[in-house]
Amino acid sequence: MLRIFLISVFLIFSNLAFGKYISFLDPKSELIISKYLGKKFLIGSANYSFLFWNIYDAELYSTSNKFNSNELAIILKYNRSIEKETLVKETINDIKEQKNISKEQEEKWKSLLESIYIDTKTNKKFIAIKINNKSIFYYNNKKLHESFDEEFNQLFFDIWLRSNSKNPNFTKTLLGQ
């Protein structure tokens, strides 16, 4: 049992130390991102874990080698299955940490998130693209939704990109800092 524990700890730390620059962008995902961003640059990549759970790997792309907050794509490769209801709930909670919203606004954005999310599966990718005031969402290379709600779009991407995010080290790494 101790041997399994030690191997697990080694694998976790080796992933953190050596997994930073291994891109998981497949040809179809690359075409999707290029369609909206044109020439793209990998800004950073990070792994999001919570306690013992490896939740997802993330990559951030932008239209230049300096991060452009108006033209970007975030790709999440899920390392575990997550139910749609959990994704919606956690996203709303993250948004509410950023801003006080009315119950009416919360219900509106829950409905929007119901269009964006589906139950995730291990090794499947979620792509969120922001082009100025528009956001486009894909899961497993299938387009799910477009949003023109500027406030929602900004709060959604700020889940990962704001300086006071839930996990500032994750954000710094994703931003290539």
C-alpha atoms as a PDB file:
ATOM      1  CA  MET A   1       0.000   0.000   0.000  1.00  0.00           C
ATOM      2  CA  LEU A   2       2.837   2.375   0.847  1.00  0.00           C
ATOM      3  CA  ARG A   3       4.418   1.539  -2.497  1.00  0.00           C
ATOM      4  CA  ILE A   4       1.237   2.536  -4.382  1.00  0.00           C
ATOM      5  CA  PHE A   5       1.022   5.757  -2.395  1.00  0.00           C
ATOM      6  CA  LEU A   6       4.648   6.666  -3.145  1.00  0.00           C
ATOM      7  CA  ILE A   7       4.221   5.924  -6.847  1.00  0.00           C
ATOM      8  CA  SER A   8       1.066   8.066  -6.912  1.00  0.00           C
ATOM      9  CA  VAL A   9       2.849  10.981  -5.233  1.00  0.00           C
ATOM     10  CA  PHE A  10       5.752  10.646  -7.679  1.00  0.00           C
ATOM     11  CA  LEU A  11       3.388  10.691 -10.674  1.00  0.00           C
ATOM     12  CA  ILE A  12       1.543  13.746  -9.385  1.00  0.00           C
ATOM     13  CA  PHE A  13       4.755  15.704  -8.875  1.00  0.00           C
ATOM     14  CA  SER A  14       6.289  14.541 -12.142  1.00  0.00           C
ATOM     15  CA  ASN A  15       3.159  15.754 -13.958  1.00  0.00           C
ATOM     16  CA  LEU A  16       3.463  19.132 -12.266  1.00  0.00           C
ATOM     17  CA  ALA A  17       7.173  19.389 -13.015  1.00  0.00           C
ATOM     18  CA  PHE A  18       7.346  17.978 -16.541  1.00  0.00           C
ATOM     19  CA  GLY A  19       3.809  18.201 -17.961  1.00  0.00           C
ATOM     20  CA  LYS A  20       3.788  21.981 -18.371  1.00  0.00           C
ATOM     21  CA  TYR A  21       4.680  22.203 -22.069  1.00  0.00           C
ATOM     22  CA  ILE A  22       3.089  19.057 -23.455  1.00  0.00           C
ATOM     23  CA  SER A  23       0.285  20.371 -25.673  1.00  0.00           C
ATOM     24  CA  PHE A  24      -2.875  18.330 -26.087  1.00  0.00           C
ATOM     25  CA  LEU A  25      -4.188  20.332 -29.040  1.00  0.00           C
ATOM     26  CA  ASP A  26      -5.382  17.827 -31.641  1.00  0.00           C
ATOM     27  CA  PRO A  27      -5.792  18.712 -35.361  1.00  0.00           C
ATOM     28  CA  LYS A  28      -9.577  19.255 -35.134  1.00  0.00           C
ATOM     29  CA  SER A  29      -9.263  21.506 -32.072  1.00  0.00           C
ATOM     30  CA  GLU A  30      -6.444  23.380 -33.797  1.00  0.00           C
ATOM     31  CA  LEU A  31      -8.681  24.030 -36.826  1.00  0.00           C
ATOM     32  CA  ILE A  32     -11.462  25.322 -34.575  1.00  0.00           C
ATOM     33  CA  ILE A  33      -9.166  27.737 -32.783  1.00  0.00           C
ATOM     34  CA  SER A  34      -7.497  28.875 -36.012  1.00  0.00           C
ATOM     35  CA  LYS A  35     -10.926  29.580 -37.519  1.00  0.00           C
ATOM     36  CA  TYR A  36     -11.502  32.276 -34.884  1.00  0.00           C
ATOM     37  CA  LEU A  37      -8.008  33.415 -33.905  1.00  0.00           C
ATOM     38  CA  GLY A  38      -6.113  32.959 -37.165  1.00  0.00           C
ATOM     39  CA  LYS A  39      -2.485  32.730 -36.148  1.00  0.00           C
ATOM     40  CA  LYS A  40      -2.380  31.559 -32.555  1.00  0.00           C
ATOM     41  CA  PHE A  41       0.223  31.440 -29.834  1.00  0.00           C
ATOM     42  CA  LEU A  42       0.305  29.200 -26.782  1.00  0.00           C
ATOM     43  CA  ILE A  43       0.492  31.592 -23.840  1.00  0.00           C
ATOM     44  CA  GLY A  44       0.600  28.978 -21.094  1.00  0.00           C
ATOM     45  CA  SER A  45      -0.649  25.662 -19.811  1.00  0.00           C
ATOM     46  CA  ALA A  46      -1.587  24.520 -16.332  1.00  0.00           C
ATOM     47  CA  ASN A  47      -3.072  21.609 -14.431  1.00  0.00           C
ATOM     48  CA  TYR A  48      -6.011  22.163 -12.100  1.00  0.00           C
ATOM     49  CA  SER A  49      -6.213  19.743  -9.193  1.00  0.00           C
ATOM     50  CA  PHE A  50      -8.292  19.838  -6.046  1.00  0.00           C
ATOM     51  CA  LEU A  51      -6.998  17.882  -3.063  1.00  0.00           C
ATOM     52  CA  PHE A  52      -6.277  14.439  -4.540  1.00  0.00           C
ATOM     53  CA  TRP A  53      -8.337  14.875  -7.710  1.00  0.00           C
ATOM     54  CA  ASN A  54      -6.739  15.806 -10.999  1.00  0.00           C
ATOM     55  CA  ILE A  55      -9.632  17.747 -12.566  1.00  0.00           C
ATOM     56  CA  TYR A  56      -8.351  19.105 -15.894  1.00  0.00           C
ATOM     57  CA  ASP A  57      -5.409  20.384 -17.891  1.00  0.00           C
ATOM     58  CA  ALA A  58      -5.758  23.823 -19.466  1.00  0.00           C
ATOM     59  CA  GLU A  59      -4.107  25.667 -22.322  1.00  0.00           C
ATOM     60  CA  LEU A  60      -4.469  29.344 -23.151  1.00  0.00           C
ATOM     61  CA  TYR A  61      -4.002  30.609 -26.707  1.00  0.00           C
ATOM     62  CA  SER A  62      -4.022  34.165 -28.000  1.00  0.00           C
ATOM     63  CA  THR A  63      -3.494  36.024 -31.284  1.00  0.00           C
ATOM     64  CA  SER A  64       0.019  37.168 -30.352  1.00  0.00           C
ATOM     65  CA  ASN A  65       2.774  35.954 -28.065  1.00  0.00           C
ATOM     66  CA  LYS A  66       1.626  38.612 -25.587  1.00  0.00           C
ATOM     67  CA  PHE A  67      -1.710  37.753 -24.011  1.00  0.00           C
ATOM     68  CA  ASN A  68      -4.624  39.583 -25.665  1.00  0.00           C
ATOM     69  CA  SER A  69      -7.687  39.516 -23.389  1.00  0.00           C
ATOM     70  CA  ASN A  70     -10.000  40.268 -26.328  1.00  0.00           C
ATOM     71  CA  GLU A  71      -8.888  37.412 -28.587  1.00  0.00           C
ATOM     72  CA  LEU A  72      -8.212  34.151 -26.802  1.00  0.00           C
ATOM     73  CA  ALA A  73      -9.071  30.500 -26.469  1.00  0.00           C
ATOM     74  CA  ILE A  74      -9.024  28.325 -23.369  1.00  0.00           C
ATOM     75  CA  ILE A  75      -8.966  24.571 -23.819  1.00  0.00           C
ATOM     76  CA  LEU A  76      -9.756  22.276 -20.912  1.00  0.00           C
ATOM     77  CA  LYS A  77      -8.915  18.591 -21.238  1.00  0.00           C
ATOM     78  CA  TYR A  78     -10.874  16.810 -18.548  1.00  0.00           C
ATOM     79  CA  ASN A  79      -9.024  14.228 -16.494  1.00  0.00           C
ATOM     80  CA  ARG A  80     -12.215  12.947 -14.906  1.00  0.00           C
ATOM     81  CA  SER A  81     -15.922  12.805 -15.688  1.00  0.00           C
ATOM     82  CA  ILE A  82     -18.021  15.647 -14.300  1.00  0.00           C
ATOM     83  CA  GLU A  83     -21.792  15.960 -14.434  1.00  0.00           C
ATOM     84  CA  LYS A  84     -23.326  18.938 -16.213  1.00  0.00           C
ATOM     85  CA  GLU A  85     -25.167  20.040 -13.049  1.00  0.00           C
ATOM     86  CA  THR A  86     -21.866  20.214 -11.162  1.00  0.00           C
ATOM     87  CA  LEU A  87     -20.255  22.309 -13.894  1.00  0.00           C
ATOM     88  CA  VAL A  88     -23.188  24.734 -13.945  1.00  0.00           C
ATOM     89  CA  LYS A  89     -23.245  25.029 -10.140  1.00  0.00           C
ATOM     90  CA  GLU A  90     -19.475  25.553  -9.833  1.00  0.00           C
ATOM     91  CA  THR A  91     -19.429  28.119 -12.644  1.00  0.00           C
ATOM     92  CA  ILE A  92     -22.264  30.108 -11.063  1.00  0.00           C
ATOM     93  CA  ASN A  93     -20.428  29.994  -7.724  1.00  0.00           C
ATOM     94  CA  ASP A  94     -17.252  31.277  -9.400  1.00  0.00           C
ATOM     95  CA  ILE A  95     -19.178  34.086 -11.058  1.00  0.00           C
ATOM     96  CA  LYS A  96     -20.823  35.016  -7.742  1.00  0.00           C
ATOM     97  CA  GLU A  97     -17.379  35.213  -6.132  1.00  0.00           C
ATOM     98  CA  GLN A  98     -16.531  37.889  -8.685  1.00  0.00           C
ATOM     99  CA  LYS A  99     -19.751  39.884  -8.587  1.00  0.00           C
ATOM    100  CA  ASN A 100     -23.026  40.100  -6.704  1.00  0.00           C
ATOM    101  CA  ILE A 101     -25.747  39.124  -9.136  1.00  0.00           C
ATOM    102  CA  SER A 102     -29.506  39.173  -8.823  1.00  0.00           C
ATOM    103  CA  LYS A 103     -31.520  35.969  -8.617  1.00  0.00           C
ATOM    104  CA  GLU A 104     -32.938  36.838 -12.043  1.00  0.00           C
ATOM    105  CA  GLN A 105     -29.431  37.220 -13.511  1.00  0.00           C
ATOM    106  CA  GLU A 106     -28.352  33.961 -11.878  1.00  0.00           C
ATOM    107  CA  GLU A 107     -31.264  32.092 -13.472  1.00  0.00           C
ATOM    108  CA  LYS A 108     -30.540  33.663 -16.874  1.00  0.00           C
ATOM    109  CA  TRP A 109     -26.890  32.613 -16.706  1.00  0.00           C
ATOM    110  CA  LYS A 110     -27.759  29.140 -15.411  1.00  0.00           C
ATOM    111  CA  SER A 111     -29.876  28.728 -18.525  1.00  0.00           C
ATOM    112  CA  LEU A 112     -26.991  29.940 -20.681  1.00  0.00           C
ATOM    113  CA  LEU A 113     -24.615  27.499 -18.949  1.00  0.00           C
ATOM    114  CA  GLU A 114     -27.081  24.675 -19.607  1.00  0.00           C
ATOM    115  CA  SER A 115     -26.422  25.406 -23.315  1.00  0.00           C
ATOM    116  CA  ILE A 116     -22.657  25.475 -22.872  1.00  0.00           C
ATOM    117  CA  TYR A 117     -22.061  22.395 -20.753  1.00  0.00           C
ATOM    118  CA  ILE A 118     -22.753  18.685 -21.081  1.00  0.00           C
ATOM    119  CA  ASP A 119     -21.626  15.798 -18.885  1.00  0.00           C
ATOM    120  CA  THR A 120     -17.876  15.565 -19.403  1.00  0.00           C
ATOM    121  CA  LYS A 121     -15.859  12.448 -19.996  1.00  0.00           C
ATOM    122  CA  THR A 122     -12.193  11.758 -19.306  1.00  0.00           C
ATOM    123  CA  ASN A 123      -9.822  13.034 -22.041  1.00  0.00           C
ATOM    124  CA  LYS A 124     -12.539  15.063 -23.792  1.00  0.00           C
ATOM    125  CA  LYS A 125     -11.944  18.751 -24.501  1.00  0.00           C
ATOM    126  CA  PHE A 126     -13.972  21.869 -23.770  1.00  0.00           C
ATOM    127  CA  ILE A 127     -12.998  24.905 -25.848  1.00  0.00           C
ATOM    128  CA  ALA A 128     -14.054  28.437 -24.976  1.00  0.00           C
ATOM    129  CA  ILE A 129     -13.124  31.145 -27.485  1.00  0.00           C
ATOM    130  CA  LYS A 130     -13.479  34.875 -26.913  1.00  0.00           C
ATOM    131  CA  ILE A 131     -13.377  37.281 -29.838  1.00  0.00           C
ATOM    132  CA  ASN A 132     -13.998  40.801 -28.531  1.00  0.00           C
ATOM    133  CA  ASN A 133     -17.538  40.675 -27.091  1.00  0.00           C
ATOM    134  CA  LYS A 134     -18.529  37.273 -28.484  1.00  0.00           C
ATOM    135  CA  SER A 135     -17.777  33.849 -27.025  1.00  0.00           C
ATOM    136  CA  ILE A 136     -18.043  30.477 -28.732  1.00  0.00           C
ATOM    137  CA  PHE A 137     -18.121  27.163 -26.871  1.00  0.00           C
ATOM    138  CA  TYR A 138     -17.234  23.668 -28.090  1.00  0.00           C
ATOM    139  CA  TYR A 139     -17.153  20.250 -26.454  1.00  0.00           C
ATOM    140  CA  ASN A 140     -15.323  17.367 -28.103  1.00  0.00           C
ATOM    141  CA  ASN A 141     -14.936  19.591 -31.204  1.00  0.00           C
ATOM    142  CA  LYS A 142     -18.716  20.101 -31.537  1.00  0.00           C
ATOM    143  CA  LYS A 143     -20.052  23.644 -31.373  1.00  0.00           C
ATOM    144  CA  LEU A 144     -22.484  24.026 -28.491  1.00  0.00           C
ATOM    145  CA  HIS A 145     -23.283  27.707 -28.128  1.00  0.00           C
ATOM    146  CA  GLU A 146     -22.417  31.328 -28.938  1.00  0.00           C
ATOM    147  CA  SER A 147     -22.828  34.067 -26.373  1.00  0.00           C
ATOM    148  CA  PHE A 148     -23.097  37.791 -27.028  1.00  0.00           C
ATOM    149  CA  ASP A 149     -23.655  38.610 -23.338  1.00  0.00           C
ATOM    150  CA  GLU A 150     -20.569  40.775 -22.688  1.00  0.00           C
ATOM    151  CA  GLU A 151     -20.857  40.712 -18.916  1.00  0.00           C
ATOM    152  CA  PHE A 152     -21.280  36.946 -18.775  1.00  0.00           C
ATOM    153  CA  ASN A 153     -18.421  36.409 -21.231  1.00  0.00           C
ATOM    154  CA  GLN A 154     -16.022  38.529 -19.177  1.00  0.00           C
ATOM    155  CA  LEU A 155     -16.973  36.879 -15.881  1.00  0.00           C
ATOM    156  CA  PHE A 156     -16.782  33.417 -17.442  1.00  0.00           C
ATOM    157  CA  PHE A 157     -13.222  33.852 -18.735  1.00  0.00           C
ATOM    158  CA  ASP A 158     -12.175  35.625 -15.545  1.00  0.00           C
ATOM    159  CA  ILE A 159     -12.818  32.366 -13.685  1.00  0.00           C
ATOM    160  CA  TRP A 160      -9.393  31.320 -14.975  1.00  0.00           C
ATOM    161  CA  LEU A 161      -7.740  34.621 -15.883  1.00  0.00           C
ATOM    162  CA  ARG A 162      -8.367  37.127 -13.088  1.00  0.00           C
ATOM    163  CA  SER A 163      -5.528  37.830 -10.658  1.00  0.00           C
ATOM    164  CA  ASN A 164      -7.657  36.963  -7.615  1.00  0.00           C
ATOM    165  CA  SER A 165      -8.932  33.633  -8.975  1.00  0.00           C
ATOM    166  CA  LYS A 166      -9.563  30.628  -6.716  1.00  0.00           C
ATOM    167  CA  ASN A 167      -6.104  29.370  -7.630  1.00  0.00           C
ATOM    168  CA  PRO A 168      -3.696  32.269  -8.359  1.00  0.00           C
ATOM    169  CA  ASN A 169      -0.781  29.912  -9.121  1.00  0.00           C
ATOM    170  CA  PHE A 170      -2.877  28.131 -11.736  1.00  0.00           C
ATOM    171  CA  THR A 171      -3.789  31.500 -13.288  1.00  0.00           C
ATOM    172  CA  LYS A 172      -0.182  32.724 -13.349  1.00  0.00           C
ATOM    173  CA  THR A 173       0.967  29.492 -14.990  1.00  0.00           C
ATOM    174  CA  LEU A 174      -1.866  29.622 -17.530  1.00  0.00           C
ATOM    175  CA  LEU A 175      -0.910  33.223 -18.334  1.00  0.00           C
ATOM    176  CA  GLY A 176       2.698  32.121 -18.855  1.00  0.00           C
ATOM    177  CA  GLN A 177       4.014  34.118 -15.908  1.00  0.00           C
END
